[in-house]
Amino acid sequence: MRFHIIDPHCSVAGGEDFGAVDTREEADKIVAERIANGDEGGCRCGRGYLIQTCEERTKVNIGWTERQERDVAMFATGFLNLNGYRPRDGVKRELTPEEVASHKCYNYQPRRFQEILNDFYDTQYTPLEFTSVEDIDEGQRTETTDLSDL
């Protein structure tokens, strides 16, 4: 059994999962270090981190999938579910062996998903800067029309 470090941020369904470590003590140490470095976790709704077992994390993920299926069915009747989905939400039943086997653990990653996404964006896309009109290729020029006289 591994232990997932979860930031229970309300804008991420089920909380942001930083990955898993092998022991509870190691997870407690990571959470304490994050808090000591000024990252309190959570959001305006509450602060802190959660440590969840693989089984708890799987229940959260399955519960989220089931909720989405219900919400899509209810949307056709005009119902829109705007309630948040917290890390403690999820299925309350026992998991089937197939559901337990479907869980994939990833090793602990200290960086937030948004940071990784921003770094990827920065490496893949570079802003274009033109120093003058002459820098624009002839094929890319567009003429503007003054519509104020119409």
C-alpha atoms as a PDB file:
ATOM      1  CA  MET A   1       0.000   0.000   0.000  1.00  0.00           C
ATOM      2  CA  ARG A   2       1.235   3.435  -0.921  1.00  0.00           C
ATOM      3  CA  PHE A   3       0.254   6.870   0.356  1.00  0.00           C
ATOM      4  CA  HIS A   4      -0.813   9.719  -1.925  1.00  0.00           C
ATOM      5  CA  ILE A   5      -0.139  13.358  -1.027  1.00  0.00           C
ATOM      6  CA  ILE A   6      -3.265  15.355  -1.910  1.00  0.00           C
ATOM      7  CA  ASP A   7      -3.791  19.107  -2.020  1.00  0.00           C
ATOM      8  CA  PRO A   8      -7.558  19.445  -1.449  1.00  0.00           C
ATOM      9  CA  HIS A   9      -7.986  22.464  -3.703  1.00  0.00           C
ATOM     10  CA  CYS A  10     -11.635  23.089  -4.589  1.00  0.00           C
ATOM     11  CA  SER A  11     -10.901  23.866  -8.244  1.00  0.00           C
ATOM     12  CA  VAL A  12      -9.522  20.346  -8.812  1.00  0.00           C
ATOM     13  CA  ALA A  13     -12.037  17.512  -8.523  1.00  0.00           C
ATOM     14  CA  GLY A  14     -10.898  15.220  -5.737  1.00  0.00           C
ATOM     15  CA  GLY A  15      -7.844  17.375  -5.021  1.00  0.00           C
ATOM     16  CA  GLU A  16      -4.503  17.639  -6.772  1.00  0.00           C
ATOM     17  CA  ASP A  17      -2.584  14.376  -6.452  1.00  0.00           C
ATOM     18  CA  PHE A  18       1.182  14.914  -6.141  1.00  0.00           C
ATOM     19  CA  GLY A  19       1.820  11.193  -6.390  1.00  0.00           C
ATOM     20  CA  ALA A  20       2.532   8.439  -3.917  1.00  0.00           C
ATOM     21  CA  VAL A  21       5.283   7.396  -1.513  1.00  0.00           C
ATOM     22  CA  ASP A  22       5.860   4.046   0.171  1.00  0.00           C
ATOM     23  CA  THR A  23       5.388   4.902   3.863  1.00  0.00           C
ATOM     24  CA  ARG A  24       3.060   7.084   5.895  1.00  0.00           C
ATOM     25  CA  GLU A  25       6.061   8.579   7.710  1.00  0.00           C
ATOM     26  CA  GLU A  26       7.571   9.659   4.418  1.00  0.00           C
ATOM     27  CA  ALA A  27       4.258  11.258   3.396  1.00  0.00           C
ATOM     28  CA  ASP A  28       4.005  13.076   6.755  1.00  0.00           C
ATOM     29  CA  LYS A  29       7.557  14.364   6.295  1.00  0.00           C
ATOM     30  CA  ILE A  30       6.797  15.667   2.778  1.00  0.00           C
ATOM     31  CA  VAL A  31       3.660  17.457   3.958  1.00  0.00           C
ATOM     32  CA  ALA A  32       5.559  19.008   6.899  1.00  0.00           C
ATOM     33  CA  GLU A  33       8.324  20.221   4.526  1.00  0.00           C
ATOM     34  CA  ARG A  34       5.801  21.752   2.122  1.00  0.00           C
ATOM     35  CA  ILE A  35       4.088  23.609   4.966  1.00  0.00           C
ATOM     36  CA  ALA A  36       7.444  24.724   6.400  1.00  0.00           C
ATOM     37  CA  ASN A  37       8.360  26.145   2.973  1.00  0.00           C
ATOM     38  CA  GLY A  38       5.201  28.269   2.988  1.00  0.00           C
ATOM     39  CA  ASP A  39       2.965  26.082   0.829  1.00  0.00           C
ATOM     40  CA  GLU A  40       0.014  25.586   3.138  1.00  0.00           C
ATOM     41  CA  GLY A  41      -2.029  23.656   0.603  1.00  0.00           C
ATOM     42  CA  GLY A  42      -5.739  23.989   0.079  1.00  0.00           C
ATOM     43  CA  CYS A  43      -7.417  27.183  -0.991  1.00  0.00           C
ATOM     44  CA  ARG A  44      -9.777  29.815   0.351  1.00  0.00           C
ATOM     45  CA  CYS A  45     -12.162  27.059   1.490  1.00  0.00           C
ATOM     46  CA  GLY A  46      -9.607  25.468   3.805  1.00  0.00           C
ATOM     47  CA  ARG A  47      -5.917  24.865   4.290  1.00  0.00           C
ATOM     48  CA  GLY A  48      -3.829  21.745   4.586  1.00  0.00           C
ATOM     49  CA  TYR A  49      -2.903  18.537   2.835  1.00  0.00           C
ATOM     50  CA  LEU A  50      -4.400  15.064   2.905  1.00  0.00           C
ATOM     51  CA  ILE A  51      -2.696  11.726   2.830  1.00  0.00           C
ATOM     52  CA  GLN A  52      -4.779   9.016   1.179  1.00  0.00           C
ATOM     53  CA  THR A  53      -4.148   5.340   0.616  1.00  0.00           C
ATOM     54  CA  CYS A  54      -4.420   3.884  -2.862  1.00  0.00           C
ATOM     55  CA  GLU A  55      -7.821   2.448  -1.968  1.00  0.00           C
ATOM     56  CA  GLU A  56      -9.125   5.836  -0.823  1.00  0.00           C
ATOM     57  CA  ARG A  57      -7.760   7.487  -3.956  1.00  0.00           C
ATOM     58  CA  THR A  58      -9.381   4.860  -6.167  1.00  0.00           C
ATOM     59  CA  LYS A  59     -12.726   5.404  -4.437  1.00  0.00           C
ATOM     60  CA  VAL A  60     -12.443   9.143  -5.113  1.00  0.00           C
ATOM     61  CA  ASN A  61     -11.641   8.582  -8.796  1.00  0.00           C
ATOM     62  CA  ILE A  62     -14.461   6.065  -9.308  1.00  0.00           C
ATOM     63  CA  GLY A  63     -16.885   8.329  -7.470  1.00  0.00           C
ATOM     64  CA  TRP A  64     -15.917  11.214  -9.767  1.00  0.00           C
ATOM     65  CA  THR A  65     -16.524   9.087 -12.872  1.00  0.00           C
ATOM     66  CA  GLU A  66     -19.914   7.946 -11.554  1.00  0.00           C
ATOM     67  CA  ARG A  67     -20.858  11.515 -10.679  1.00  0.00           C
ATOM     68  CA  GLN A  68     -20.002  12.712 -14.183  1.00  0.00           C
ATOM     69  CA  GLU A  69     -22.223   9.992 -15.663  1.00  0.00           C
ATOM     70  CA  ARG A  70     -25.125  11.033 -13.401  1.00  0.00           C
ATOM     71  CA  ASP A  71     -24.584  14.717 -14.152  1.00  0.00           C
ATOM     72  CA  VAL A  72     -24.648  14.148 -17.917  1.00  0.00           C
ATOM     73  CA  ALA A  73     -27.893  12.197 -17.601  1.00  0.00           C
ATOM     74  CA  MET A  74     -29.438  14.903 -15.408  1.00  0.00           C
ATOM     75  CA  PHE A  75     -28.263  17.715 -17.691  1.00  0.00           C
ATOM     76  CA  ALA A  76     -30.754  16.563 -20.308  1.00  0.00           C
ATOM     77  CA  THR A  77     -33.547  17.352 -17.826  1.00  0.00           C
ATOM     78  CA  GLY A  78     -32.201  20.849 -17.184  1.00  0.00           C
ATOM     79  CA  PHE A  79     -30.313  20.053 -13.979  1.00  0.00           C
ATOM     80  CA  LEU A  80     -26.796  21.476 -13.682  1.00  0.00           C
ATOM     81  CA  ASN A  81     -24.730  20.246 -10.745  1.00  0.00           C
ATOM     82  CA  LEU A  82     -22.488  23.064  -9.544  1.00  0.00           C
ATOM     83  CA  ASN A  83     -21.459  21.390  -6.286  1.00  0.00           C
ATOM     84  CA  GLY A  84     -17.769  20.850  -5.710  1.00  0.00           C
ATOM     85  CA  TYR A  85     -16.215  17.416  -5.547  1.00  0.00           C
ATOM     86  CA  ARG A  86     -14.032  17.070  -2.483  1.00  0.00           C
ATOM     87  CA  PRO A  87     -11.303  14.528  -1.735  1.00  0.00           C
ATOM     88  CA  ARG A  88     -13.527  12.900   0.885  1.00  0.00           C
ATOM     89  CA  ASP A  89     -16.306  12.353  -1.670  1.00  0.00           C
ATOM     90  CA  GLY A  90     -16.345   9.098  -3.552  1.00  0.00           C
ATOM     91  CA  VAL A  91     -17.922   5.690  -3.468  1.00  0.00           C
ATOM     92  CA  LYS A  92     -18.612   4.219  -0.058  1.00  0.00           C
ATOM     93  CA  ARG A  93     -18.851   0.606  -1.210  1.00  0.00           C
ATOM     94  CA  GLU A  94     -16.112  -1.979  -1.305  1.00  0.00           C
ATOM     95  CA  LEU A  95     -14.075  -1.944  -4.478  1.00  0.00           C
ATOM     96  CA  THR A  96     -14.144  -4.837  -6.909  1.00  0.00           C
ATOM     97  CA  PRO A  97     -10.864  -6.584  -7.744  1.00  0.00           C
ATOM     98  CA  GLU A  98     -10.983  -5.033 -11.232  1.00  0.00           C
ATOM     99  CA  GLU A  99     -11.303  -1.545  -9.764  1.00  0.00           C
ATOM    100  CA  VAL A 100      -8.401  -2.145  -7.386  1.00  0.00           C
ATOM    101  CA  ALA A 101      -6.273  -3.467 -10.253  1.00  0.00           C
ATOM    102  CA  SER A 102      -7.103  -0.423 -12.408  1.00  0.00           C
ATOM    103  CA  HIS A 103      -5.367   1.963  -9.981  1.00  0.00           C
ATOM    104  CA  LYS A 104      -2.036   3.318 -11.165  1.00  0.00           C
ATOM    105  CA  CYS A 105       0.356   4.918  -8.702  1.00  0.00           C
ATOM    106  CA  TYR A 106       2.804   7.566  -9.751  1.00  0.00           C
ATOM    107  CA  ASN A 107       5.821   8.513  -7.695  1.00  0.00           C
ATOM    108  CA  TYR A 108       5.718  11.736  -5.724  1.00  0.00           C
ATOM    109  CA  GLN A 109       6.244  14.840  -7.873  1.00  0.00           C
ATOM    110  CA  PRO A 110       6.806  18.008  -5.815  1.00  0.00           C
ATOM    111  CA  ARG A 111       5.776  20.365  -8.615  1.00  0.00           C
ATOM    112  CA  ARG A 112       2.180  21.356  -9.175  1.00  0.00           C
ATOM    113  CA  PHE A 113       0.474  20.352 -12.411  1.00  0.00           C
ATOM    114  CA  GLN A 114       0.049  24.016 -13.379  1.00  0.00           C
ATOM    115  CA  GLU A 115       3.809  24.590 -13.030  1.00  0.00           C
ATOM    116  CA  ILE A 116       4.561  21.612 -15.271  1.00  0.00           C
ATOM    117  CA  LEU A 117       2.008  22.825 -17.802  1.00  0.00           C
ATOM    118  CA  ASN A 118       3.470  26.349 -17.810  1.00  0.00           C
ATOM    119  CA  ASP A 119       7.007  25.008 -18.314  1.00  0.00           C
ATOM    120  CA  PHE A 120       5.826  22.877 -21.232  1.00  0.00           C
ATOM    121  CA  TYR A 121       4.042  25.862 -22.750  1.00  0.00           C
ATOM    122  CA  ASP A 122       7.162  28.027 -22.385  1.00  0.00           C
ATOM    123  CA  THR A 123       9.342  25.431 -24.145  1.00  0.00           C
ATOM    124  CA  GLN A 124       6.893  24.758 -26.981  1.00  0.00           C
ATOM    125  CA  TYR A 125       5.647  28.235 -27.766  1.00  0.00           C
ATOM    126  CA  THR A 126       7.697  31.364 -28.192  1.00  0.00           C
ATOM    127  CA  PRO A 127       6.091  34.751 -28.661  1.00  0.00           C
ATOM    128  CA  LEU A 128       6.617  36.473 -31.981  1.00  0.00           C
ATOM    129  CA  GLU A 129       8.062  39.923 -31.771  1.00  0.00           C
ATOM    130  CA  PHE A 130       8.189  42.250 -34.736  1.00  0.00           C
ATOM    131  CA  THR A 131      10.531  45.201 -34.629  1.00  0.00           C
ATOM    132  CA  SER A 132       9.066  46.853 -37.709  1.00  0.00           C
ATOM    133  CA  VAL A 133       6.482  46.377 -40.409  1.00  0.00           C
ATOM    134  CA  GLU A 134       9.226  45.229 -42.780  1.00  0.00           C
ATOM    135  CA  ASP A 135       9.762  42.118 -40.627  1.00  0.00           C
ATOM    136  CA  ILE A 136       6.362  40.757 -41.656  1.00  0.00           C
ATOM    137  CA  ASP A 137       6.424  38.543 -44.736  1.00  0.00           C
ATOM    138  CA  GLU A 138       4.570  39.841 -47.752  1.00  0.00           C
ATOM    139  CA  GLY A 139       2.129  36.920 -47.621  1.00  0.00           C
ATOM    140  CA  GLN A 140       1.146  37.688 -44.047  1.00  0.00           C
ATOM    141  CA  ARG A 141       0.199  41.315 -44.577  1.00  0.00           C
ATOM    142  CA  THR A 142      -3.421  42.202 -44.251  1.00  0.00           C
ATOM    143  CA  GLU A 143      -4.995  45.479 -45.125  1.00  0.00           C
ATOM    144  CA  THR A 144      -7.447  47.139 -42.816  1.00  0.00           C
ATOM    145  CA  THR A 145     -10.448  48.985 -44.070  1.00  0.00           C
ATOM    146  CA  ASP A 146     -11.764  52.075 -42.384  1.00  0.00           C
ATOM    147  CA  LEU A 147     -15.458  51.399 -41.723  1.00  0.00           C
ATOM    148  CA  SER A 148     -16.162  54.738 -40.054  1.00  0.00           C
ATOM    149  CA  ASP A 149     -17.569  56.232 -43.296  1.00  0.00           C
ATOM    150  CA  LEU A 150     -20.329  53.603 -43.649  1.00  0.00           C
END
